[in-house]
Amino acid sequence: MKGGKSKADSRKADSRLAVKKTKKEKKAAKDPNKPKRPPSAFFVFMEDFRKQFKEKHPNNKSVAAVGKAGGEKWKSMSDEEKAPFIAKAEKRKEEYERKVDAYNKKLAGGGDDESDKSKSEVNDEEDEEGSGEEEDDD
């Protein structure tokens, strides 16, 4: 059987087809409370560049033209010229990391935010309530 497919090969192909999922099934539901990722230094630069470009070219409605012009300008800039944008991006990244840590702690905590009492205060109250009476286990 030169060049022919065996039955095992065709079964493997069929099983692969059956496992495929649609794009909607693959994606997990997004949490709207999750912090957005911070922009890179280039996107921080583009925020300022868009404003300047619109002032110079008020009739231009093309997003692609703004993007191309911004990309060309970014490539032609020296590292010293990029430094303030890189610094802003780093600052935003640190802020994002703090927000993500707080978000993850909130998820891991499971909603213990209802009570303003510290854990030690709660434990002290439970000790006081349980110390007077003992329950019999049957």
N, C-alpha and C. Protein backbone atom coordinates (compact mmCIF):
# COMPACT_ATOMS: atom_id res chain seq x y z
N MET A 1 0.84 -1.20 0.00
CA MET A 1 0.00 0.00 0.00
C MET A 1 0.87 1.25 0.00
N LYS A 2 1.50 1.51 -1.07
CA LYS A 2 2.32 2.70 -1.15
C LYS A 2 1.43 3.92 -1.37
N GLY A 3 1.68 4.96 -0.54
CA GLY A 3 0.98 6.22 -0.75
C GLY A 3 -0.47 6.23 -0.30
N GLY A 4 -1.01 5.10 0.07
CA GLY A 4 -2.41 5.07 0.49
C GLY A 4 -2.55 5.34 1.97
N LYS A 5 -3.72 5.80 2.36
CA LYS A 5 -3.97 6.05 3.78
C LYS A 5 -4.52 4.80 4.42
N SER A 6 -4.05 4.53 5.60
CA SER A 6 -4.58 3.38 6.31
C SER A 6 -5.84 3.80 7.06
N LYS A 7 -6.56 2.83 7.57
CA LYS A 7 -7.78 3.13 8.32
C LYS A 7 -7.47 3.89 9.60
N ALA A 8 -6.33 3.62 10.20
CA ALA A 8 -5.94 4.31 11.43
C ALA A 8 -5.74 5.80 11.17
N ASP A 9 -5.13 6.12 10.04
CA ASP A 9 -4.91 7.52 9.71
C ASP A 9 -6.23 8.26 9.50
N SER A 10 -7.18 7.63 8.85
CA SER A 10 -8.46 8.30 8.61
C SER A 10 -9.24 8.45 9.91
N ARG A 11 -9.11 7.50 10.84
CA ARG A 11 -9.79 7.63 12.14
C ARG A 11 -9.21 8.79 12.94
N LYS A 12 -7.88 8.95 12.87
CA LYS A 12 -7.25 10.05 13.58
C LYS A 12 -7.76 11.39 13.05
N ALA A 13 -7.89 11.49 11.74
CA ALA A 13 -8.38 12.73 11.14
C ALA A 13 -9.81 12.99 11.57
N ASP A 14 -10.65 11.94 11.60
CA ASP A 14 -12.04 12.11 12.02
C ASP A 14 -12.13 12.56 13.47
N SER A 15 -11.30 11.99 14.32
CA SER A 15 -11.36 12.36 15.73
C SER A 15 -10.89 13.79 15.93
N ARG A 16 -9.93 14.23 15.14
CA ARG A 16 -9.47 15.62 15.24
C ARG A 16 -10.57 16.58 14.81
N LEU A 17 -11.31 16.20 13.81
CA LEU A 17 -12.39 17.07 13.34
C LEU A 17 -13.48 17.18 14.39
N ALA A 18 -13.75 16.12 15.10
CA ALA A 18 -14.82 16.12 16.08
C ALA A 18 -14.46 16.96 17.30
N VAL A 19 -13.17 17.13 17.57
CA VAL A 19 -12.74 17.85 18.77
C VAL A 19 -12.73 19.36 18.55
N LYS A 20 -12.66 19.80 17.32
CA LYS A 20 -12.57 21.23 17.04
C LYS A 20 -13.77 21.97 17.60
N LYS A 21 -13.49 23.14 18.16
CA LYS A 21 -14.55 23.98 18.72
C LYS A 21 -14.60 25.29 17.96
N THR A 22 -15.72 25.94 18.03
CA THR A 22 -15.83 27.24 17.39
C THR A 22 -15.12 28.28 18.23
N LYS A 23 -14.89 29.45 17.68
CA LYS A 23 -14.19 30.51 18.39
C LYS A 23 -14.94 30.93 19.65
N LYS A 24 -16.25 30.98 19.57
CA LYS A 24 -17.04 31.39 20.73
C LYS A 24 -16.92 30.38 21.87
N GLU A 25 -16.82 29.10 21.53
CA GLU A 25 -16.70 28.08 22.57
C GLU A 25 -15.33 28.10 23.22
N LYS A 26 -14.30 28.47 22.46
CA LYS A 26 -12.93 28.49 22.99
C LYS A 26 -12.74 29.62 23.99
N LYS A 27 -13.32 30.78 23.72
CA LYS A 27 -13.10 31.94 24.57
C LYS A 27 -13.84 31.81 25.89
N ALA A 28 -13.13 32.14 26.95
CA ALA A 28 -13.76 32.18 28.26
C ALA A 28 -14.41 33.55 28.43
N ALA A 29 -15.41 33.62 29.28
CA ALA A 29 -16.09 34.87 29.51
C ALA A 29 -15.13 35.85 30.18
N LYS A 30 -15.11 37.09 29.70
CA LYS A 30 -14.22 38.10 30.26
C LYS A 30 -14.87 38.74 31.47
N ASP A 31 -14.04 39.02 32.46
CA ASP A 31 -14.52 39.70 33.65
C ASP A 31 -14.40 41.20 33.41
N PRO A 32 -15.51 41.94 33.46
CA PRO A 32 -15.43 43.38 33.20
C PRO A 32 -14.68 44.15 34.28
N ASN A 33 -14.47 43.56 35.45
CA ASN A 33 -13.77 44.23 36.53
C ASN A 33 -12.26 44.07 36.45
N LYS A 34 -11.80 43.19 35.58
CA LYS A 34 -10.36 42.95 35.45
C LYS A 34 -9.69 44.18 34.84
N PRO A 35 -8.55 44.62 35.40
CA PRO A 35 -7.87 45.81 34.87
C PRO A 35 -7.37 45.60 33.45
N LYS A 36 -7.40 46.68 32.66
CA LYS A 36 -6.90 46.62 31.30
C LYS A 36 -5.38 46.65 31.30
N ARG A 37 -4.78 45.96 30.34
CA ARG A 37 -3.33 45.96 30.22
C ARG A 37 -2.85 47.37 29.89
N PRO A 38 -1.66 47.73 30.36
CA PRO A 38 -1.15 49.07 30.09
C PRO A 38 -0.62 49.18 28.67
N PRO A 39 -0.63 50.40 28.11
CA PRO A 39 -0.09 50.57 26.76
C PRO A 39 1.43 50.51 26.76
N SER A 40 1.98 50.11 25.64
CA SER A 40 3.44 50.09 25.49
C SER A 40 3.91 51.53 25.27
N ALA A 41 5.21 51.71 25.24
CA ALA A 41 5.78 53.05 25.04
C ALA A 41 5.33 53.63 23.70
N PHE A 42 5.22 52.80 22.69
CA PHE A 42 4.77 53.28 21.38
C PHE A 42 3.35 53.83 21.44
N PHE A 43 2.47 53.14 22.16
CA PHE A 43 1.09 53.61 22.23
C PHE A 43 0.96 54.86 23.10
N VAL A 44 1.83 55.00 24.08
CA VAL A 44 1.86 56.25 24.86
C VAL A 44 2.29 57.38 23.94
N PHE A 45 3.28 57.12 23.09
CA PHE A 45 3.73 58.11 22.11
C PHE A 45 2.60 58.46 21.15
N MET A 46 1.87 57.44 20.70
CA MET A 46 0.79 57.67 19.73
C MET A 46 -0.32 58.54 20.28
N GLU A 47 -0.57 58.50 21.59
CA GLU A 47 -1.61 59.35 22.18
C GLU A 47 -1.29 60.83 21.89
N ASP A 48 -0.03 61.21 22.13
CA ASP A 48 0.39 62.59 21.86
C ASP A 48 0.47 62.86 20.37
N PHE A 49 0.99 61.89 19.63
CA PHE A 49 1.19 62.10 18.20
C PHE A 49 -0.14 62.31 17.47
N ARG A 50 -1.18 61.60 17.86
CA ARG A 50 -2.49 61.76 17.21
C ARG A 50 -2.99 63.19 17.35
N LYS A 51 -2.83 63.75 18.55
CA LYS A 51 -3.27 65.14 18.78
C LYS A 51 -2.52 66.10 17.88
N GLN A 52 -1.20 65.94 17.81
CA GLN A 52 -0.38 66.81 16.97
C GLN A 52 -0.72 66.63 15.50
N PHE A 53 -0.93 65.40 15.08
CA PHE A 53 -1.23 65.11 13.68
C PHE A 53 -2.56 65.73 13.28
N LYS A 54 -3.56 65.66 14.16
CA LYS A 54 -4.87 66.23 13.85
C LYS A 54 -4.81 67.75 13.75
N GLU A 55 -3.94 68.38 14.57
CA GLU A 55 -3.79 69.83 14.48
C GLU A 55 -3.16 70.23 13.15
N LYS A 56 -2.16 69.47 12.70
CA LYS A 56 -1.47 69.79 11.44
C LYS A 56 -2.30 69.42 10.22
N HIS A 57 -3.08 68.33 10.33
CA HIS A 57 -3.87 67.83 9.20
C HIS A 57 -5.33 67.67 9.64
N PRO A 58 -6.08 68.77 9.76
CA PRO A 58 -7.46 68.67 10.27
C PRO A 58 -8.42 67.97 9.30
N ASN A 59 -8.11 67.94 8.03
CA ASN A 59 -9.01 67.33 7.04
C ASN A 59 -8.78 65.83 6.88
N ASN A 60 -7.73 65.30 7.45
CA ASN A 60 -7.41 63.89 7.28
C ASN A 60 -8.31 63.04 8.17
N LYS A 61 -9.06 62.13 7.58
CA LYS A 61 -9.96 61.24 8.32
C LYS A 61 -9.44 59.81 8.37
N SER A 62 -8.30 59.54 7.75
CA SER A 62 -7.77 58.18 7.64
C SER A 62 -6.99 57.78 8.89
N VAL A 63 -7.44 56.75 9.55
CA VAL A 63 -6.75 56.22 10.71
C VAL A 63 -5.43 55.58 10.29
N ALA A 64 -5.44 54.95 9.14
CA ALA A 64 -4.23 54.29 8.63
C ALA A 64 -3.13 55.31 8.38
N ALA A 65 -3.47 56.47 7.87
CA ALA A 65 -2.46 57.49 7.59
C ALA A 65 -1.81 57.97 8.89
N VAL A 66 -2.62 58.14 9.93
CA VAL A 66 -2.09 58.56 11.23
C VAL A 66 -1.17 57.48 11.78
N GLY A 67 -1.57 56.24 11.68
CA GLY A 67 -0.76 55.12 12.17
C GLY A 67 0.56 55.00 11.44
N LYS A 68 0.51 55.14 10.12
CA LYS A 68 1.75 55.05 9.32
C LYS A 68 2.69 56.18 9.67
N ALA A 69 2.16 57.39 9.75
CA ALA A 69 3.00 58.54 10.07
C ALA A 69 3.60 58.39 11.47
N GLY A 70 2.81 57.92 12.41
CA GLY A 70 3.30 57.71 13.77
C GLY A 70 4.37 56.65 13.84
N GLY A 71 4.18 55.57 13.11
CA GLY A 71 5.18 54.50 13.07
C GLY A 71 6.49 54.96 12.49
N GLU A 72 6.41 55.72 11.40
CA GLU A 72 7.63 56.24 10.77
C GLU A 72 8.37 57.19 11.71
N LYS A 73 7.60 58.05 12.38
CA LYS A 73 8.24 59.01 13.31
C LYS A 73 8.89 58.25 14.47
N TRP A 74 8.20 57.23 15.02
CA TRP A 74 8.74 56.45 16.14
C TRP A 74 10.06 55.77 15.75
N LYS A 75 10.08 55.21 14.54
CA LYS A 75 11.30 54.53 14.08
C LYS A 75 12.46 55.51 13.91
N SER A 76 12.15 56.73 13.51
CA SER A 76 13.22 57.70 13.26
C SER A 76 13.70 58.39 14.54
N MET A 77 12.98 58.22 15.65
CA MET A 77 13.36 58.86 16.92
C MET A 77 14.56 58.15 17.55
N SER A 78 15.37 58.92 18.27
CA SER A 78 16.50 58.34 18.99
C SER A 78 16.01 57.83 20.35
N ASP A 79 16.88 57.08 21.03
CA ASP A 79 16.51 56.54 22.35
C ASP A 79 16.25 57.65 23.35
N GLU A 80 16.99 58.77 23.25
CA GLU A 80 16.78 59.89 24.17
C GLU A 80 15.40 60.51 23.96
N GLU A 81 14.95 60.57 22.70
CA GLU A 81 13.64 61.13 22.41
C GLU A 81 12.52 60.19 22.87
N LYS A 82 12.78 58.90 22.86
CA LYS A 82 11.78 57.91 23.28
C LYS A 82 11.71 57.77 24.80
N ALA A 83 12.74 58.22 25.51
CA ALA A 83 12.85 58.01 26.96
C ALA A 83 11.63 58.46 27.76
N PRO A 84 11.07 59.66 27.51
CA PRO A 84 9.91 60.07 28.32
C PRO A 84 8.70 59.15 28.12
N PHE A 85 8.53 58.64 26.92
CA PHE A 85 7.40 57.74 26.64
C PHE A 85 7.62 56.39 27.30
N ILE A 86 8.87 55.94 27.30
CA ILE A 86 9.21 54.68 27.95
C ILE A 86 8.98 54.80 29.46
N ALA A 87 9.35 55.95 30.03
CA ALA A 87 9.16 56.18 31.47
C ALA A 87 7.67 56.18 31.83
N LYS A 88 6.86 56.84 31.00
CA LYS A 88 5.41 56.86 31.24
C LYS A 88 4.83 55.45 31.16
N ALA A 89 5.30 54.68 30.18
CA ALA A 89 4.80 53.31 30.01
C ALA A 89 5.18 52.46 31.22
N GLU A 90 6.39 52.62 31.73
CA GLU A 90 6.82 51.86 32.92
C GLU A 90 5.97 52.23 34.13
N LYS A 91 5.68 53.51 34.27
CA LYS A 91 4.86 53.96 35.40
C LYS A 91 3.46 53.35 35.32
N ARG A 92 2.89 53.34 34.11
CA ARG A 92 1.56 52.75 33.92
C ARG A 92 1.59 51.24 34.16
N LYS A 93 2.70 50.60 33.79
CA LYS A 93 2.83 49.17 34.00
C LYS A 93 2.86 48.83 35.49
N GLU A 94 3.60 49.63 36.27
CA GLU A 94 3.65 49.42 37.71
C GLU A 94 2.27 49.59 38.34
N GLU A 95 1.56 50.63 37.89
CA GLU A 95 0.20 50.87 38.39
C GLU A 95 -0.72 49.70 38.04
N TYR A 96 -0.57 49.20 36.82
CA TYR A 96 -1.37 48.06 36.36
C TYR A 96 -1.09 46.83 37.22
N GLU A 97 0.19 46.59 37.52
CA GLU A 97 0.55 45.42 38.32
C GLU A 97 -0.05 45.49 39.72
N ARG A 98 -0.08 46.72 40.29
CA ARG A 98 -0.72 46.88 41.61
C ARG A 98 -2.21 46.57 41.53
N LYS A 99 -2.85 47.06 40.47
CA LYS A 99 -4.29 46.81 40.29
C LYS A 99 -4.58 45.33 40.10
N VAL A 100 -3.72 44.65 39.33
CA VAL A 100 -3.91 43.22 39.09
C VAL A 100 -3.73 42.43 40.38
N ASP A 101 -2.73 42.81 41.19
CA ASP A 101 -2.53 42.14 42.47
C ASP A 101 -3.76 42.29 43.36
N ALA A 102 -4.29 43.51 43.42
CA ALA A 102 -5.49 43.76 44.22
C ALA A 102 -6.67 42.96 43.68
N TYR A 103 -6.79 42.91 42.36
CA TYR A 103 -7.87 42.17 41.71
C TYR A 103 -7.77 40.68 42.03
N ASN A 104 -6.54 40.13 41.92
CA ASN A 104 -6.35 38.70 42.20
C ASN A 104 -6.61 38.38 43.67
N LYS A 105 -6.21 39.27 44.57
CA LYS A 105 -6.47 39.05 45.99
C LYS A 105 -7.97 39.06 46.26
N LYS A 106 -8.67 39.94 45.58
CA LYS A 106 -10.12 40.03 45.74
C LYS A 106 -10.79 38.74 45.25
N LEU A 107 -10.30 38.21 44.12
CA LEU A 107 -10.84 36.95 43.60
C LEU A 107 -10.54 35.79 44.54
N ALA A 108 -9.33 35.75 45.04
CA ALA A 108 -8.93 34.65 45.92
C ALA A 108 -9.65 34.73 47.26
N GLY A 109 -9.95 35.95 47.72
CA GLY A 109 -10.63 36.13 49.00
C GLY A 109 -12.05 35.63 48.97
N GLY A 110 -12.68 35.66 47.85
CA GLY A 110 -14.04 35.14 47.72
C GLY A 110 -15.11 36.01 48.34
N GLY A 111 -14.89 37.33 48.40
CA GLY A 111 -15.95 38.22 48.87
C GLY A 111 -15.97 38.42 50.36
N ASP A 112 -14.83 38.40 51.04
CA ASP A 112 -14.77 38.67 52.47
C ASP A 112 -14.83 40.17 52.75
N ASP A 113 -15.10 40.97 51.73
CA ASP A 113 -15.10 42.41 51.88
C ASP A 113 -16.34 42.92 52.62
N GLU A 114 -17.32 42.06 52.91
CA GLU A 114 -18.55 42.49 53.56
C GLU A 114 -18.28 43.04 54.96
N SER A 115 -17.39 42.41 55.67
CA SER A 115 -17.14 42.77 57.05
C SER A 115 -15.94 43.70 57.16
N ASP A 116 -16.08 44.75 57.97
CA ASP A 116 -14.99 45.67 58.20
C ASP A 116 -14.11 45.21 59.35
N LYS A 117 -14.54 44.17 60.08
CA LYS A 117 -13.77 43.69 61.22
C LYS A 117 -12.56 42.91 60.75
N SER A 118 -11.50 43.01 61.52
CA SER A 118 -10.32 42.22 61.18
C SER A 118 -10.56 40.77 61.57
N LYS A 119 -9.74 39.88 61.08
CA LYS A 119 -9.91 38.46 61.36
C LYS A 119 -9.77 38.17 62.85
N SER A 120 -8.88 38.89 63.54
CA SER A 120 -8.68 38.64 64.97
C SER A 120 -9.93 39.02 65.76
N GLU A 121 -10.60 40.11 65.36
CA GLU A 121 -11.83 40.50 66.06
C GLU A 121 -12.91 39.46 65.86
N VAL A 122 -13.02 38.93 64.67
CA VAL A 122 -14.03 37.91 64.38
C VAL A 122 -13.74 36.65 65.18
N ASN A 123 -12.48 36.23 65.24
CA ASN A 123 -12.11 35.04 65.99
C ASN A 123 -12.35 35.23 67.48
N ASP A 124 -12.11 36.42 68.01
CA ASP A 124 -12.35 36.68 69.43
C ASP A 124 -13.82 36.54 69.76
N GLU A 125 -14.70 37.04 68.88
CA GLU A 125 -16.15 36.93 69.12
C GLU A 125 -16.58 35.48 69.10
N GLU A 126 -16.05 34.68 68.18
CA GLU A 126 -16.43 33.28 68.10
C GLU A 126 -15.99 32.54 69.37
N ASP A 127 -14.82 32.87 69.91
CA ASP A 127 -14.33 32.22 71.13
C ASP A 127 -15.25 32.55 72.30
N GLU A 128 -15.70 33.80 72.39
CA GLU A 128 -16.58 34.20 73.49
C GLU A 128 -17.92 33.49 73.42
N GLU A 129 -18.49 33.37 72.21
CA GLU A 129 -19.79 32.73 72.04
C GLU A 129 -19.72 31.24 72.35
N GLY A 130 -18.67 30.59 71.93
CA GLY A 130 -18.56 29.13 72.06
C GLY A 130 -18.04 28.67 73.41
N SER A 131 -17.53 29.57 74.25
CA SER A 131 -16.91 29.13 75.49
C SER A 131 -17.92 28.76 76.57
N GLY A 132 -19.11 29.33 76.56
CA GLY A 132 -20.10 29.08 77.60
C GLY A 132 -20.82 27.77 77.47
N GLU A 133 -21.03 27.29 76.27
CA GLU A 133 -21.83 26.09 76.07
C GLU A 133 -21.05 25.07 75.26
N GLU A 134 -21.23 23.82 75.61
CA GLU A 134 -20.64 22.74 74.83
C GLU A 134 -21.77 21.91 74.24
N GLU A 135 -21.59 21.51 72.98
CA GLU A 135 -22.63 20.69 72.35
C GLU A 135 -22.26 19.24 72.41
N ASP A 136 -23.26 18.38 72.58
CA ASP A 136 -23.03 16.93 72.59
C ASP A 136 -23.19 16.40 71.18
N ASP A 137 -22.21 15.62 70.74
CA ASP A 137 -22.30 14.98 69.43
C ASP A 137 -22.90 13.60 69.60
N ASP A 138 -23.95 13.27 68.85
CA ASP A 138 -24.60 11.96 68.95
C ASP A 138 -24.07 10.99 67.97
